[in-house]
């Protein structure tokens, strides 16, 4: 499934292929944070901190 995230400060759109957007795996969170150059993301009301 494709997950679309808009960067809060840069207003850029990023698309990611994930298994379940309501329950991201640690490796998916890490990949998203690395690609967006952020330390945390908020997806569907859930806060994920990159480790």
PDB file of N, CA and C in Angstrom:
ATOM      1  N   UNK A   1       0.841  -1.164   0.000  1.00  0.00           N
ATOM      2  CA  UNK A   1       0.000   0.000   0.000  1.00  0.00           C
ATOM      3  C   UNK A   1       0.898   1.243   0.000  1.00  0.00           C
ATOM      4  N   UNK A   2       0.488   2.262  -0.658  1.00  0.00           N
ATOM      5  CA  UNK A   2       1.266   3.490  -0.743  1.00  0.00           C
ATOM      6  C   UNK A   2       0.852   4.460   0.359  1.00  0.00           C
ATOM      7  N   UNK A   3       1.845   4.991   1.047  1.00  0.00           N
ATOM      8  CA  UNK A   3       1.648   5.972   2.102  1.00  0.00           C
ATOM      9  C   UNK A   3       2.212   7.295   1.595  1.00  0.00           C
ATOM     10  N   UNK A   4       1.410   8.350   1.658  1.00  0.00           N
ATOM     11  CA  UNK A   4       1.845   9.679   1.226  1.00  0.00           C
ATOM     12  C   UNK A   4       1.971  10.571   2.453  1.00  0.00           C
ATOM     13  N   UNK A   5       3.152  11.187   2.591  1.00  0.00           N
ATOM     14  CA  UNK A   5       3.424  12.071   3.734  1.00  0.00           C
ATOM     15  C   UNK A   5       3.910  13.412   3.199  1.00  0.00           C
ATOM     16  N   UNK A   6       3.374  14.501   3.768  1.00  0.00           N
ATOM     17  CA  UNK A   6       3.845  15.832   3.414  1.00  0.00           C
ATOM     18  C   UNK A   6       4.770  16.323   4.518  1.00  0.00           C
ATOM     19  N   UNK A   7       5.965  16.762   4.136  1.00  0.00           N
ATOM     20  CA  UNK A   7       6.938  17.295   5.090  1.00  0.00           C
ATOM     21  C   UNK A   7       6.382  18.600   5.646  1.00  0.00           C
ATOM     22  N   UNK A   8       6.384  18.716   6.962  1.00  0.00           N
ATOM     23  CA  UNK A   8       5.743  19.853   7.620  1.00  0.00           C
ATOM     24  C   UNK A   8       6.392  21.197   7.292  1.00  0.00           C
ATOM     25  N   UNK A   9       7.706  21.261   7.247  1.00  0.00           N
ATOM     26  CA  UNK A   9       8.362  22.552   7.028  1.00  0.00           C
ATOM     27  C   UNK A   9       8.701  22.814   5.569  1.00  0.00           C
ATOM     28  N   UNK A  10       9.009  21.764   4.826  1.00  0.00           N
ATOM     29  CA  UNK A  10       9.397  21.930   3.422  1.00  0.00           C
ATOM     30  C   UNK A  10       8.221  21.830   2.460  1.00  0.00           C
ATOM     31  N   UNK A  11       7.081  21.321   2.934  1.00  0.00           N
ATOM     32  CA  UNK A  11       5.875  21.124   2.128  1.00  0.00           C
ATOM     33  C   UNK A  11       6.105  20.219   0.918  1.00  0.00           C
ATOM     34  N   UNK A  12       7.081  19.330   1.004  1.00  0.00           N
ATOM     35  CA  UNK A  12       7.319  18.371  -0.068  1.00  0.00           C
ATOM     36  C   UNK A  12       6.497  17.119   0.190  1.00  0.00           C
ATOM     37  N   UNK A  13       6.112  16.450  -0.881  1.00  0.00           N
ATOM     38  CA  UNK A  13       5.305  15.234  -0.792  1.00  0.00           C
ATOM     39  C   UNK A  13       6.216  14.030  -0.996  1.00  0.00           C
ATOM     40  N   UNK A  14       6.071  13.027  -0.117  1.00  0.00           N
ATOM     41  CA  UNK A  14       6.865  11.808  -0.195  1.00  0.00           C
ATOM     42  C   UNK A  14       5.920  10.615  -0.227  1.00  0.00           C
ATOM     43  N   UNK A  15       6.176   9.669  -1.116  1.00  0.00           N
ATOM     44  CA  UNK A  15       5.388   8.447  -1.213  1.00  0.00           C
ATOM     45  C   UNK A  15       6.241   7.250  -0.830  1.00  0.00           C
ATOM     46  N   UNK A  16       5.660   6.353  -0.039  1.00  0.00           N
ATOM     47  CA  UNK A  16       6.368   5.174   0.428  1.00  0.00           C
ATOM     48  C   UNK A  16       5.471   3.952   0.295  1.00  0.00           C
ATOM     49  N   UNK A  17       6.061   2.828  -0.062  1.00  0.00           N
ATOM     50  CA  UNK A  17       5.343   1.563  -0.089  1.00  0.00           C
ATOM     51  C   UNK A  17       5.501   0.914   1.280  1.00  0.00           C
ATOM     52  N   UNK A  18       4.388   0.700   1.965  1.00  0.00           N
ATOM     53  CA  UNK A  18       4.400   0.080   3.290  1.00  0.00           C
ATOM     54  C   UNK A  18       3.386  -1.059   3.322  1.00  0.00           C
ATOM     55  N   UNK A  19       3.585  -1.963   4.264  1.00  0.00           N
ATOM     56  CA  UNK A  19       2.689  -3.111   4.391  1.00  0.00           C
ATOM     57  C   UNK A  19       1.341  -2.686   4.976  1.00  0.00           C
ATOM     58  N   UNK A  20       1.377  -1.943   6.089  1.00  0.00           N
ATOM     59  CA  UNK A  20       0.157  -1.497   6.759  1.00  0.00           C
ATOM     60  C   UNK A  20       0.380  -0.082   7.301  1.00  0.00           C
ATOM     61  N   UNK A  21      -0.236   0.935   6.703  1.00  0.00           N
ATOM     62  CA  UNK A  21       0.010   2.313   7.139  1.00  0.00           C
ATOM     63  C   UNK A  21      -0.483   2.619   8.556  1.00  0.00           C
ATOM     64  N   UNK A  22      -1.339   1.768   9.109  1.00  0.00           N
ATOM     65  CA  UNK A  22      -1.829   1.979  10.465  1.00  0.00           C
ATOM     66  C   UNK A  22      -0.922   1.344  11.519  1.00  0.00           C
ATOM     67  N   UNK A  23       0.050   0.567  11.074  1.00  0.00           N
ATOM     68  CA  UNK A  23       0.968  -0.096  12.001  1.00  0.00           C
ATOM     69  C   UNK A  23       2.310  -0.291  11.291  1.00  0.00           C
ATOM     70  N   UNK A  24       3.132   0.756  11.274  1.00  0.00           N
ATOM     71  CA  UNK A  24       4.405   0.711  10.562  1.00  0.00           C
ATOM     72  C   UNK A  24       5.428  -0.145  11.288  1.00  0.00           C
ATOM     73  N   UNK A  25       6.187  -0.905  10.530  1.00  0.00           N
ATOM     74  CA  UNK A  25       7.288  -1.692  11.081  1.00  0.00           C
ATOM     75  C   UNK A  25       8.471  -0.758  11.345  1.00  0.00           C
ATOM     76  N   UNK A  26       9.338  -1.161  12.258  1.00  0.00           N
ATOM     77  CA  UNK A  26      10.505  -0.339  12.613  1.00  0.00           C
ATOM     78  C   UNK A  26      11.361  -0.006  11.407  1.00  0.00           C
ATOM     79  N   UNK A  27      11.559  -0.970  10.527  1.00  0.00           N
ATOM     80  CA  UNK A  27      12.385  -0.739   9.330  1.00  0.00           C
ATOM     81  C   UNK A  27      11.710   0.259   8.385  1.00  0.00           C
ATOM     82  N   UNK A  28      10.379   0.245   8.325  1.00  0.00           N
ATOM     83  CA  UNK A  28       9.656   1.212   7.495  1.00  0.00           C
ATOM     84  C   UNK A  28       9.798   2.613   8.075  1.00  0.00           C
ATOM     85  N   UNK A  29       9.677   2.735   9.394  1.00  0.00           N
ATOM     86  CA  UNK A  29       9.832   4.036  10.060  1.00  0.00           C
ATOM     87  C   UNK A  29      11.235   4.573   9.813  1.00  0.00           C
ATOM     88  N   UNK A  30      12.242   3.713   9.991  1.00  0.00           N
ATOM     89  CA  UNK A  30      13.627   4.130   9.784  1.00  0.00           C
ATOM     90  C   UNK A  30      13.840   4.602   8.340  1.00  0.00           C
ATOM     91  N   UNK A  31      13.313   3.858   7.369  1.00  0.00           N
ATOM     92  CA  UNK A  31      13.483   4.220   5.956  1.00  0.00           C
ATOM     93  C   UNK A  31      12.800   5.544   5.634  1.00  0.00           C
ATOM     94  N   UNK A  32      11.614   5.747   6.160  1.00  0.00           N
ATOM     95  CA  UNK A  32      10.879   6.995   5.918  1.00  0.00           C
ATOM     96  C   UNK A  32      11.634   8.174   6.531  1.00  0.00           C
ATOM     97  N   UNK A  33      12.060   8.036   7.772  1.00  0.00           N
ATOM     98  CA  UNK A  33      12.781   9.125   8.449  1.00  0.00           C
ATOM     99  C   UNK A  33      14.092   9.452   7.742  1.00  0.00           C
ATOM    100  N   UNK A  34      14.786   8.419   7.305  1.00  0.00           N
ATOM    101  CA  UNK A  34      16.051   8.628   6.604  1.00  0.00           C
ATOM    102  C   UNK A  34      15.815   9.365   5.288  1.00  0.00           C
ATOM    103  N   UNK A  35      14.819   8.940   4.540  1.00  0.00           N
ATOM    104  CA  UNK A  35      14.534   9.565   3.248  1.00  0.00           C
ATOM    105  C   UNK A  35      14.079  11.019   3.411  1.00  0.00           C
ATOM    106  N   UNK A  36      13.298  11.291   4.451  1.00  0.00           N
ATOM    107  CA  UNK A  36      12.768  12.643   4.669  1.00  0.00           C
ATOM    108  C   UNK A  36      13.702  13.514   5.503  1.00  0.00           C
ATOM    109  N   UNK A  37      14.765  12.914   6.063  1.00  0.00           N
ATOM    110  CA  UNK A  37      15.710  13.625   6.914  1.00  0.00           C
ATOM    111  C   UNK A  37      15.017  14.256   8.133  1.00  0.00           C
ATOM    112  N   UNK A  38      14.234  13.413   8.838  1.00  0.00           N
ATOM    113  CA  UNK A  38      13.528  13.847  10.042  1.00  0.00           C
ATOM    114  C   UNK A  38      13.819  12.866  11.182  1.00  0.00           C
ATOM    115  N   UNK A  39      13.460  13.244  12.403  1.00  0.00           N
ATOM    116  CA  UNK A  39      13.696  12.365  13.548  1.00  0.00           C
ATOM    117  C   UNK A  39      12.421  11.689  14.038  1.00  0.00           C
ATOM    118  N   UNK A  40      11.263  12.129  13.551  1.00  0.00           N
ATOM    119  CA  UNK A  40       9.996  11.525  13.952  1.00  0.00           C
ATOM    120  C   UNK A  40       8.948  11.807  12.878  1.00  0.00           C
ATOM    121  N   UNK A  41       7.916  10.948  12.849  1.00  0.00           N
ATOM    122  CA  UNK A  41       6.821  11.143  11.903  1.00  0.00           C
ATOM    123  C   UNK A  41       5.495  10.910  12.614  1.00  0.00           C
ATOM    124  N   UNK A  42       4.453  11.522  12.108  1.00  0.00           N
ATOM    125  CA  UNK A  42       3.098  11.327  12.597  1.00  0.00           C
ATOM    126  C   UNK A  42       2.286  10.774  11.440  1.00  0.00           C
ATOM    127  N   UNK A  43       1.797   9.539  11.606  1.00  0.00           N
ATOM    128  CA  UNK A  43       1.061   8.868  10.535  1.00  0.00           C
ATOM    129  C   UNK A  43      -0.258   8.356  11.086  1.00  0.00           C
ATOM    130  N   UNK A  44      -1.357   8.819  10.507  1.00  0.00           N
ATOM    131  CA  UNK A  44      -2.702   8.392  10.927  1.00  0.00           C
ATOM    132  C   UNK A  44      -2.894   8.519  12.436  1.00  0.00           C
ATOM    133  N   UNK A  45      -2.404   9.612  13.000  1.00  0.00           N
ATOM    134  CA  UNK A  45      -2.582   9.880  14.417  1.00  0.00           C
ATOM    135  C   UNK A  45      -1.608   9.163  15.337  1.00  0.00           C
ATOM    136  N   UNK A  46      -0.676   8.391  14.780  1.00  0.00           N
ATOM    137  CA  UNK A  46       0.322   7.682  15.581  1.00  0.00           C
ATOM    138  C   UNK A  46       1.683   8.354  15.408  1.00  0.00           C
ATOM    139  N   UNK A  47       2.358   8.542  16.552  1.00  0.00           N
ATOM    140  CA  UNK A  47       3.684   9.160  16.560  1.00  0.00           C
ATOM    141  C   UNK A  47       4.744   8.072  16.531  1.00  0.00           C
ATOM    142  N   UNK A  48       5.666   8.194  15.586  1.00  0.00           N
ATOM    143  CA  UNK A  48       6.768   7.247  15.463  1.00  0.00           C
ATOM    144  C   UNK A  48       8.067   8.024  15.574  1.00  0.00           C
ATOM    145  N   UNK A  49       8.924   7.618  16.507  1.00  0.00           N
ATOM    146  CA  UNK A  49      10.229   8.239  16.649  1.00  0.00           C
ATOM    147  C   UNK A  49      11.263   7.332  15.987  1.00  0.00           C
ATOM    148  N   UNK A  50      12.126   7.932  15.211  1.00  0.00           N
ATOM    149  CA  UNK A  50      13.131   7.162  14.486  1.00  0.00           C
ATOM    150  C   UNK A  50      14.266   6.788  15.428  1.00  0.00           C
ATOM    151  N   UNK A  51      14.646   5.519  15.374  1.00  0.00           N
ATOM    152  CA  UNK A  51      15.697   5.029  16.259  1.00  0.00           C
ATOM    153  C   UNK A  51      16.850   4.503  15.457  1.00  0.00           C
TER     154      UNK A  51
END
